[in-house]
Amino acid sequence: MRLAAFEVTSDGHMQGFHMTFRNGNTVSVQFGRGNYADGGITTAEIAAWDRNENWIRLPGWNDDVRGHCTPDEVAEFIQTIREM
C-alpha cells in the first residue's frame, strides 16, 4: 500500500492528478483532451479505487467513472472518498 501521496498524470491526452489517502483509497481527477471533461475549463472526470485496486462506485453511479463534474462536485467526491 502506498502512503498518502500526490501523483501528477499526463500523457498528452489525459491530464490531472491522483491523491492517495491514509485509508488506502485513491482519487483520480482528470481533465485532459482524452477525458470526460471540457479540458479543465469548468469540468473534470473523477474516479476512485481502494487499496486493493477495486474501483469504488458510489450510490447512484452507473459507472466507475463520472464525467463533466463541477469543482464543487469534485471537492465533495474527494471528501467522501477520504472519509471512507
C-alpha atoms as a PDB file:
ATOM      1  CA  MET A   1       0.000   0.000   0.000  1.00  0.00           C
ATOM      2  CA  ARG A   2       1.204   3.471  -0.835  1.00  0.00           C
ATOM      3  CA  LEU A   3       1.324   6.089   1.849  1.00  0.00           C
ATOM      4  CA  ALA A   4      -0.642   9.305   1.433  1.00  0.00           C
ATOM      5  CA  ALA A   5       0.670  10.893  -1.746  1.00  0.00           C
ATOM      6  CA  PHE A   6       0.045  13.020  -4.819  1.00  0.00           C
ATOM      7  CA  GLU A   7       0.783  11.886  -8.361  1.00  0.00           C
ATOM      8  CA  VAL A   8       0.556  14.029 -11.490  1.00  0.00           C
ATOM      9  CA  THR A   9      -0.867  12.216 -14.511  1.00  0.00           C
ATOM     10  CA  SER A  10      -0.122  13.432 -18.020  1.00  0.00           C
ATOM     11  CA  ASP A  11       0.347  11.534 -21.261  1.00  0.00           C
ATOM     12  CA  GLY A  12      -0.719  14.035 -23.914  1.00  0.00           C
ATOM     13  CA  HIS A  13      -4.399  13.067 -23.880  1.00  0.00           C
ATOM     14  CA  MET A  14      -5.012  12.607 -20.167  1.00  0.00           C
ATOM     15  CA  GLN A  15      -4.049  15.257 -17.676  1.00  0.00           C
ATOM     16  CA  GLY A  16      -4.760  15.541 -13.987  1.00  0.00           C
ATOM     17  CA  PHE A  17      -3.756  14.031 -10.679  1.00  0.00           C
ATOM     18  CA  HIS A  18      -4.235  11.187  -8.209  1.00  0.00           C
ATOM     19  CA  MET A  19      -4.446  11.592  -4.437  1.00  0.00           C
ATOM     20  CA  THR A  20      -3.922   8.575  -2.180  1.00  0.00           C
ATOM     21  CA  PHE A  21      -5.165   8.895   1.394  1.00  0.00           C
ATOM     22  CA  ARG A  22      -4.054   7.179   4.604  1.00  0.00           C
ATOM     23  CA  ASN A  23      -7.126   4.915   4.371  1.00  0.00           C
ATOM     24  CA  GLY A  24      -5.661   3.452   1.157  1.00  0.00           C
ATOM     25  CA  ASN A  25      -8.254   4.975  -1.182  1.00  0.00           C
ATOM     26  CA  THR A  26      -7.067   6.829  -4.286  1.00  0.00           C
ATOM     27  CA  VAL A  27      -8.999   9.594  -6.068  1.00  0.00           C
ATOM     28  CA  SER A  28      -8.362  10.362  -9.718  1.00  0.00           C
ATOM     29  CA  VAL A  29      -9.217  13.813 -11.112  1.00  0.00           C
ATOM     30  CA  GLN A  30      -8.611  14.101 -14.869  1.00  0.00           C
ATOM     31  CA  PHE A  31      -9.378  16.942 -17.260  1.00  0.00           C
ATOM     32  CA  GLY A  32      -7.312  16.443 -20.416  1.00  0.00           C
ATOM     33  CA  ARG A  33      -8.484  16.069 -24.007  1.00  0.00           C
ATOM     34  CA  GLY A  34      -8.980  12.304 -23.553  1.00  0.00           C
ATOM     35  CA  ASN A  35     -11.222  12.647 -20.508  1.00  0.00           C
ATOM     36  CA  TYR A  36     -14.910  13.224 -19.902  1.00  0.00           C
ATOM     37  CA  ALA A  37     -14.375  16.925 -19.260  1.00  0.00           C
ATOM     38  CA  ASP A  38     -14.156  20.237 -21.061  1.00  0.00           C
ATOM     39  CA  GLY A  39     -10.379  20.405 -20.892  1.00  0.00           C
ATOM     40  CA  GLY A  40     -10.399  21.546 -17.287  1.00  0.00           C
ATOM     41  CA  ILE A  41     -12.111  24.820 -18.060  1.00  0.00           C
ATOM     42  CA  THR A  42     -15.163  24.132 -15.880  1.00  0.00           C
ATOM     43  CA  THR A  43     -15.405  20.313 -15.510  1.00  0.00           C
ATOM     44  CA  ALA A  44     -13.315  17.241 -14.734  1.00  0.00           C
ATOM     45  CA  GLU A  45     -13.638  13.452 -14.707  1.00  0.00           C
ATOM     46  CA  ILE A  46     -13.485  11.661 -11.345  1.00  0.00           C
ATOM     47  CA  ALA A  47     -12.967   8.071 -10.210  1.00  0.00           C
ATOM     48  CA  ALA A  48     -11.606   6.226  -7.174  1.00  0.00           C
ATOM     49  CA  TRP A  49     -10.255   2.842  -6.119  1.00  0.00           C
ATOM     50  CA  ASP A  50      -9.360   1.218  -2.831  1.00  0.00           C
ATOM     51  CA  ARG A  51      -6.044  -0.146  -1.528  1.00  0.00           C
ATOM     52  CA  ASN A  52      -6.705  -3.424  -3.396  1.00  0.00           C
ATOM     53  CA  GLU A  53      -7.262  -1.519  -6.671  1.00  0.00           C
ATOM     54  CA  ASN A  54     -11.012  -2.256  -6.655  1.00  0.00           C
ATOM     55  CA  TRP A  55     -12.996   0.550  -8.248  1.00  0.00           C
ATOM     56  CA  ILE A  56     -15.234   2.457  -5.848  1.00  0.00           C
ATOM     57  CA  ARG A  57     -18.710   3.081  -7.220  1.00  0.00           C
ATOM     58  CA  LEU A  58     -20.794   5.451  -5.123  1.00  0.00           C
ATOM     59  CA  PRO A  59     -24.575   5.018  -4.740  1.00  0.00           C
ATOM     60  CA  GLY A  60     -26.392   6.379  -7.767  1.00  0.00           C
ATOM     61  CA  TRP A  61     -23.406   5.915 -10.072  1.00  0.00           C
ATOM     62  CA  ASN A  62     -23.910   3.847 -13.225  1.00  0.00           C
ATOM     63  CA  ASP A  63     -20.179   3.534 -13.939  1.00  0.00           C
ATOM     64  CA  ASP A  64     -16.779   3.575 -12.230  1.00  0.00           C
ATOM     65  CA  VAL A  65     -16.034   6.999 -13.724  1.00  0.00           C
ATOM     66  CA  ARG A  66     -18.149  10.141 -13.542  1.00  0.00           C
ATOM     67  CA  GLY A  67     -17.522  12.816 -16.139  1.00  0.00           C
ATOM     68  CA  HIS A  68     -18.221  16.526 -16.512  1.00  0.00           C
ATOM     69  CA  CYS A  69     -18.115  17.251 -12.762  1.00  0.00           C
ATOM     70  CA  THR A  70     -18.007  20.782 -11.420  1.00  0.00           C
ATOM     71  CA  PRO A  71     -15.348  21.912  -8.930  1.00  0.00           C
ATOM     72  CA  ASP A  72     -17.887  21.571  -6.095  1.00  0.00           C
ATOM     73  CA  GLU A  73     -18.725  18.002  -7.160  1.00  0.00           C
ATOM     74  CA  VAL A  74     -15.016  17.139  -7.336  1.00  0.00           C
ATOM     75  CA  ALA A  75     -14.417  18.566  -3.846  1.00  0.00           C
ATOM     76  CA  GLU A  76     -17.374  16.648  -2.384  1.00  0.00           C
ATOM     77  CA  PHE A  77     -16.155  13.424  -4.038  1.00  0.00           C
ATOM     78  CA  ILE A  78     -12.647  13.855  -2.647  1.00  0.00           C
ATOM     79  CA  GLN A  79     -14.051  14.399   0.847  1.00  0.00           C
ATOM     80  CA  THR A  80     -16.327  11.335   0.587  1.00  0.00           C
ATOM     81  CA  ILE A  81     -13.500   9.036  -0.544  1.00  0.00           C
ATOM     82  CA  ARG A  82     -11.135  10.401   2.108  1.00  0.00           C
ATOM     83  CA  GLU A  83     -13.679   9.721   4.861  1.00  0.00           C
ATOM     84  CA  MET A  84     -14.470   6.127   3.799  1.00  0.00           C
END
